[in-house]
């Protein structure tokens, strides 16, 4: 990633766009799941998969790709060299730096309604993070919430698959647990 695609927030350097890769760091392809059947087969086989919201490449140009948990957690590495998918702890560091969960989302959101539905409550983008509402793919295949919600995976492996979400009607950066076969965005963090 180029320097103009990054922003320093506290001691962390974040990408300013959602991840949009179709290969792992080693060059192996990540399968695209265009149908609900393909998405569900990836879950049943515990295999990585990605998709564009509504299977529309135009959405990918704006919001990046949506990945399942198996792609995020694959040992071949989803993030480019020198970057990683942030852990739950690293997202918490960002949240705390921005003043806590109640206000952090507003400081991260794009501060217009170009992509966010109105009202884009409390959006200032004072961090330059430019969080966008790319929506998500529901665990059983359908799509939901473009324009209203942005959701991002954490890399932390636990009994719960953690992630973060921001909505158009809130200033919060919510910490949530997600189904492993859901499709969410990934925002990369530079390695220390």
Protein backbone atom coordinates (compact mmCIF):
# COMPACT_ATOMS: atom_id res chain seq x y z
CA UNK A 1 0.00 0.00 0.00
CA UNK A 2 1.17 3.51 -0.78
CA UNK A 3 1.54 6.18 1.91
CA UNK A 4 -1.50 8.05 0.57
CA UNK A 5 -3.53 4.89 1.28
CA UNK A 6 -2.60 4.95 4.96
CA UNK A 7 -3.37 7.01 8.04
CA UNK A 8 -1.66 7.15 11.43
CA UNK A 9 -4.09 7.04 14.34
CA UNK A 10 -2.29 7.12 17.67
CA UNK A 11 0.60 4.66 17.34
CA UNK A 12 -1.12 2.57 14.65
CA UNK A 13 -0.96 2.89 10.87
CA UNK A 14 -4.19 1.81 9.17
CA UNK A 15 -5.14 1.36 5.53
CA UNK A 16 -7.70 3.95 4.40
CA UNK A 17 -9.56 1.46 2.19
CA UNK A 18 -11.03 -1.98 2.69
CA UNK A 19 -9.04 -4.93 1.42
CA UNK A 20 -9.66 -5.92 -2.20
CA UNK A 21 -7.44 -8.93 -2.96
CA UNK A 22 -8.33 -12.25 -4.56
CA UNK A 23 -5.07 -14.04 -3.73
CA UNK A 24 -3.30 -14.89 -0.52
CA UNK A 25 0.10 -13.39 0.25
CA UNK A 26 1.80 -16.44 -1.31
CA UNK A 27 -0.10 -15.99 -4.61
CA UNK A 28 -2.66 -18.79 -4.13
CA UNK A 29 -6.16 -17.87 -5.33
CA UNK A 30 -9.00 -17.27 -2.91
CA UNK A 31 -12.19 -18.76 -4.41
CA UNK A 32 -14.95 -16.33 -5.33
CA UNK A 33 -18.40 -17.42 -4.16
CA UNK A 34 -20.93 -15.96 -6.57
CA UNK A 35 -23.96 -17.98 -5.52
CA UNK A 36 -25.55 -18.75 -2.17
CA UNK A 37 -24.77 -22.40 -2.85
CA UNK A 38 -21.04 -21.67 -3.36
CA UNK A 39 -20.99 -19.49 -0.22
CA UNK A 40 -22.62 -22.25 1.84
CA UNK A 41 -20.33 -24.92 0.37
CA UNK A 42 -17.32 -22.88 1.52
CA UNK A 43 -18.78 -22.92 5.03
CA UNK A 44 -19.50 -26.65 4.98
CA UNK A 45 -15.96 -27.37 3.79
CA UNK A 46 -14.45 -24.70 6.09
CA UNK A 47 -12.76 -23.12 3.06
CA UNK A 48 -11.89 -19.49 2.34
CA UNK A 49 -14.16 -17.45 0.06
CA UNK A 50 -14.77 -13.87 -1.02
CA UNK A 51 -17.44 -12.00 -2.93
CA UNK A 52 -18.54 -8.54 -3.97
CA UNK A 53 -21.66 -7.16 -2.35
CA UNK A 54 -24.58 -8.39 -4.52
CA UNK A 55 -21.96 -10.06 -6.77
CA UNK A 56 -21.43 -6.65 -8.38
CA UNK A 57 -17.80 -5.67 -9.19
CA UNK A 58 -18.86 -1.98 -9.12
CA UNK A 59 -19.41 -2.39 -5.37
CA UNK A 60 -15.91 -3.81 -5.04
CA UNK A 61 -14.39 -0.65 -6.51
CA UNK A 62 -15.95 1.35 -3.67
CA UNK A 63 -16.18 -1.04 -0.72
CA UNK A 64 -13.61 -3.77 -1.41
CA UNK A 65 -14.38 -7.45 -1.11
CA UNK A 66 -16.31 -9.34 1.57
CA UNK A 67 -14.45 -12.31 3.07
CA UNK A 68 -15.50 -15.25 5.21
CA UNK A 69 -13.68 -16.12 8.44
CA UNK A 70 -11.76 -18.93 6.76
CA UNK A 71 -10.12 -16.47 4.35
CA UNK A 72 -9.23 -14.11 7.21
CA UNK A 73 -7.71 -16.90 9.25
CA UNK A 74 -5.93 -18.81 6.49
CA UNK A 75 -2.23 -19.43 7.24
CA UNK A 76 -1.27 -18.24 3.75
CA UNK A 77 -2.02 -14.67 4.86
CA UNK A 78 -4.85 -12.52 3.56
CA UNK A 79 -3.15 -9.15 4.09
CA UNK A 80 -0.32 -7.94 1.84
CA UNK A 81 3.29 -8.24 2.98
CA UNK A 82 3.98 -5.85 5.87
CA UNK A 83 0.31 -5.74 6.87
CA UNK A 84 -2.10 -7.90 8.87
CA UNK A 85 -5.74 -8.27 9.79
CA UNK A 86 -6.00 -6.49 13.15
CA UNK A 87 -6.69 -8.46 16.30
CA UNK A 88 -9.52 -7.75 18.71
CA UNK A 89 -6.95 -6.11 21.00
CA UNK A 90 -5.69 -3.84 18.20
CA UNK A 91 -9.23 -2.71 17.37
CA UNK A 92 -9.72 -2.04 21.09
CA UNK A 93 -6.54 0.07 21.12
CA UNK A 94 -7.99 2.15 18.27
CA UNK A 95 -11.35 2.44 20.04
CA UNK A 96 -9.78 3.56 23.31
CA UNK A 97 -7.53 6.10 21.56
CA UNK A 98 -10.61 7.67 19.98
CA UNK A 99 -12.39 8.07 23.32
CA UNK A 100 -14.26 4.79 23.64
CA UNK A 101 -16.85 2.71 21.86
CA UNK A 102 -19.62 5.32 22.13
CA UNK A 103 -17.83 7.96 19.99
CA UNK A 104 -15.17 6.09 17.99
CA UNK A 105 -17.45 5.16 15.08
CA UNK A 106 -18.29 8.76 14.26
CA UNK A 107 -14.60 9.68 14.17
CA UNK A 108 -13.95 6.87 11.67
CA UNK A 109 -16.93 7.30 9.30
CA UNK A 110 -16.82 9.14 6.00
CA UNK A 111 -18.39 12.49 6.90
CA UNK A 112 -20.85 12.75 4.03
CA UNK A 113 -23.88 10.90 2.75
CA UNK A 114 -22.23 10.02 -0.56
CA UNK A 115 -22.14 6.38 0.55
CA UNK A 116 -23.82 6.47 3.98
CA UNK A 117 -27.58 6.79 4.20
CA UNK A 118 -28.91 9.79 6.06
CA UNK A 119 -28.62 10.41 8.90
CA UNK A 120 -24.90 9.70 9.06
CA UNK A 121 -24.99 10.44 12.78
CA UNK A 122 -21.90 12.02 14.29
CA UNK A 123 -19.68 11.36 11.26
CA UNK A 124 -16.53 13.53 11.28
CA UNK A 125 -13.85 11.27 9.74
CA UNK A 126 -11.41 13.34 11.79
CA UNK A 127 -9.05 10.35 11.73
CA UNK A 128 -8.92 9.99 7.93
CA UNK A 129 -9.94 6.31 8.30
CA UNK A 130 -12.91 6.86 5.95
CA UNK A 131 -15.07 3.95 7.07
CA UNK A 132 -17.68 3.13 4.42
CA UNK A 133 -20.97 1.20 4.73
CA UNK A 134 -20.11 -1.81 2.58
CA UNK A 135 -22.79 -4.01 4.16
CA UNK A 136 -22.25 -7.73 4.58
CA UNK A 137 -23.12 -11.19 3.37
CA UNK A 138 -25.39 -13.03 5.79
CA UNK A 139 -24.14 -16.41 7.02
CA UNK A 140 -26.51 -18.32 4.70
CA UNK A 141 -25.80 -16.26 1.57
CA UNK A 142 -28.02 -13.16 1.11
CA UNK A 143 -26.68 -9.60 1.32
CA UNK A 144 -27.70 -6.86 3.74
CA UNK A 145 -27.14 -3.29 4.93
CA UNK A 146 -25.10 -1.55 2.20
CA UNK A 147 -25.35 2.17 2.88
CA UNK A 148 -26.30 1.53 6.50
CA UNK A 149 -23.49 -0.54 8.04
CA UNK A 150 -19.81 -1.26 7.75
CA UNK A 151 -18.51 -4.48 9.34
CA UNK A 152 -14.90 -5.62 9.69
CA UNK A 153 -13.30 -8.85 10.86
CA UNK A 154 -10.78 -9.17 13.69
CA UNK A 155 -8.10 -11.83 13.36
CA UNK A 156 -8.44 -13.07 16.95
CA UNK A 157 -9.32 -16.75 17.03
CA UNK A 158 -11.41 -17.69 20.02
CA UNK A 159 -14.66 -19.43 20.79
CA UNK A 160 -16.21 -16.23 19.41
CA UNK A 161 -15.25 -14.63 16.08
CA UNK A 162 -14.91 -10.95 16.92
CA UNK A 163 -15.39 -8.02 14.60
CA UNK A 164 -16.32 -4.35 14.59
CA UNK A 165 -19.28 -2.54 13.08
CA UNK A 166 -20.45 1.02 12.51
CA UNK A 167 -23.99 2.08 11.58
CA UNK A 168 -25.41 5.17 9.93
CA UNK A 169 -27.62 6.03 12.91
CA UNK A 170 -24.92 5.73 15.60
CA UNK A 171 -21.55 7.16 16.61
CA UNK A 172 -20.55 3.82 18.16
CA UNK A 173 -17.84 1.45 17.04
CA UNK A 174 -19.54 -1.77 18.12
CA UNK A 175 -17.63 -4.88 19.18
CA UNK A 176 -19.67 -7.84 17.95
CA UNK A 177 -19.39 -11.57 17.54
CA UNK A 178 -20.01 -12.96 14.07
CA UNK A 179 -20.75 -16.28 12.39
CA UNK A 180 -17.62 -17.61 10.67
CA UNK A 181 -19.44 -18.00 7.37
CA UNK A 182 -20.60 -14.37 7.27
CA UNK A 183 -18.98 -12.08 4.70
CA UNK A 184 -17.39 -8.90 6.08
CA UNK A 185 -14.87 -6.31 5.02
CA UNK A 186 -11.24 -6.34 6.15
CA UNK A 187 -9.27 -3.23 7.05
CA UNK A 188 -5.53 -3.87 7.33
CA UNK A 189 -3.10 -2.62 9.96
CA UNK A 190 0.61 -2.15 9.27
CA UNK A 191 2.98 -4.51 11.05
CA UNK A 192 5.10 -2.91 13.78
